Amino acid sequence: ANTDLLITGAEVGASKLAKADKLGVETADQGVIWQQLIDAGIA
């Protein structure tokens, strides 16, 4: 399975971010994702 998006929290490790970057995986902050879900009426 391929990963398309890595949702990161407050304590994401630098190595995890580096690996995502190396593999071309998009990252998104957990708080931003939650706010988008709330704004869309999903959460």
C-alpha atoms as a PDB file:
ATOM      1  CA  ALA A   1       0.000   0.000   0.000  1.00  0.00           C
ATOM      2  CA  ASN A   2       1.164   3.511  -0.741  1.00  0.00           C
ATOM      3  CA  THR A   3       0.878   6.466   1.591  1.00  0.00           C
ATOM      4  CA  ASP A   4      -0.521   9.623  -0.002  1.00  0.00           C
ATOM      5  CA  LEU A   5      -0.781  11.851   3.073  1.00  0.00           C
ATOM      6  CA  LEU A   6       0.947  11.906   6.457  1.00  0.00           C
ATOM      7  CA  ILE A   7      -1.104  13.703   9.115  1.00  0.00           C
ATOM      8  CA  THR A   8       1.307  15.038  11.702  1.00  0.00           C
ATOM      9  CA  GLY A   9       0.751  15.870  15.348  1.00  0.00           C
ATOM     10  CA  ALA A  10       2.622  18.100  17.764  1.00  0.00           C
ATOM     11  CA  GLU A  11       5.397  15.587  18.407  1.00  0.00           C
ATOM     12  CA  VAL A  12       6.112  14.222  14.945  1.00  0.00           C
ATOM     13  CA  GLY A  13       9.673  13.012  14.637  1.00  0.00           C
ATOM     14  CA  ALA A  14      12.165  14.658  12.331  1.00  0.00           C
ATOM     15  CA  SER A  15      13.052  11.294  10.785  1.00  0.00           C
ATOM     16  CA  LYS A  16       9.404  10.630   9.925  1.00  0.00           C
ATOM     17  CA  LEU A  17       9.109  14.028   8.230  1.00  0.00           C
ATOM     18  CA  ALA A  18      12.384  13.473   6.381  1.00  0.00           C
ATOM     19  CA  LYS A  19      11.248  10.076   5.127  1.00  0.00           C
ATOM     20  CA  ALA A  20       7.913  11.483   3.964  1.00  0.00           C
ATOM     21  CA  ASP A  21       9.754  14.260   2.128  1.00  0.00           C
ATOM     22  CA  LYS A  22      12.165  11.776   0.538  1.00  0.00           C
ATOM     23  CA  LEU A  23       9.262   9.635  -0.671  1.00  0.00           C
ATOM     24  CA  GLY A  24       7.260  12.620  -1.920  1.00  0.00           C
ATOM     25  CA  VAL A  25       4.473  12.102   0.610  1.00  0.00           C
ATOM     26  CA  GLU A  26       2.407  15.206   1.357  1.00  0.00           C
ATOM     27  CA  THR A  27       2.172  16.206   5.029  1.00  0.00           C
ATOM     28  CA  ALA A  28      -0.615  18.038   6.839  1.00  0.00           C
ATOM     29  CA  ASP A  29      -0.937  19.275  10.403  1.00  0.00           C
ATOM     30  CA  GLN A  30      -3.521  17.438  12.515  1.00  0.00           C
ATOM     31  CA  GLY A  31      -5.003  20.697  13.829  1.00  0.00           C
ATOM     32  CA  VAL A  32      -5.542  22.006  10.314  1.00  0.00           C
ATOM     33  CA  ILE A  33      -7.217  18.770   9.234  1.00  0.00           C
ATOM     34  CA  TRP A  34      -9.553  18.839  12.260  1.00  0.00           C
ATOM     35  CA  GLN A  35     -10.505  22.444  11.541  1.00  0.00           C
ATOM     36  CA  GLN A  36     -11.259  21.597   7.913  1.00  0.00           C
ATOM     37  CA  LEU A  37     -13.496  18.718   9.032  1.00  0.00           C
ATOM     38  CA  ILE A  38     -15.296  20.976  11.519  1.00  0.00           C
ATOM     39  CA  ASP A  39     -15.756  23.702   8.903  1.00  0.00           C
ATOM     40  CA  ALA A  40     -17.198  21.123   6.502  1.00  0.00           C
ATOM     41  CA  GLY A  41     -19.643  19.905   9.172  1.00  0.00           C
ATOM     42  CA  ILE A  42     -18.096  16.435   9.225  1.00  0.00           C
ATOM     43  CA  ALA A  43     -16.620  16.464  12.729  1.00  0.00           C
END
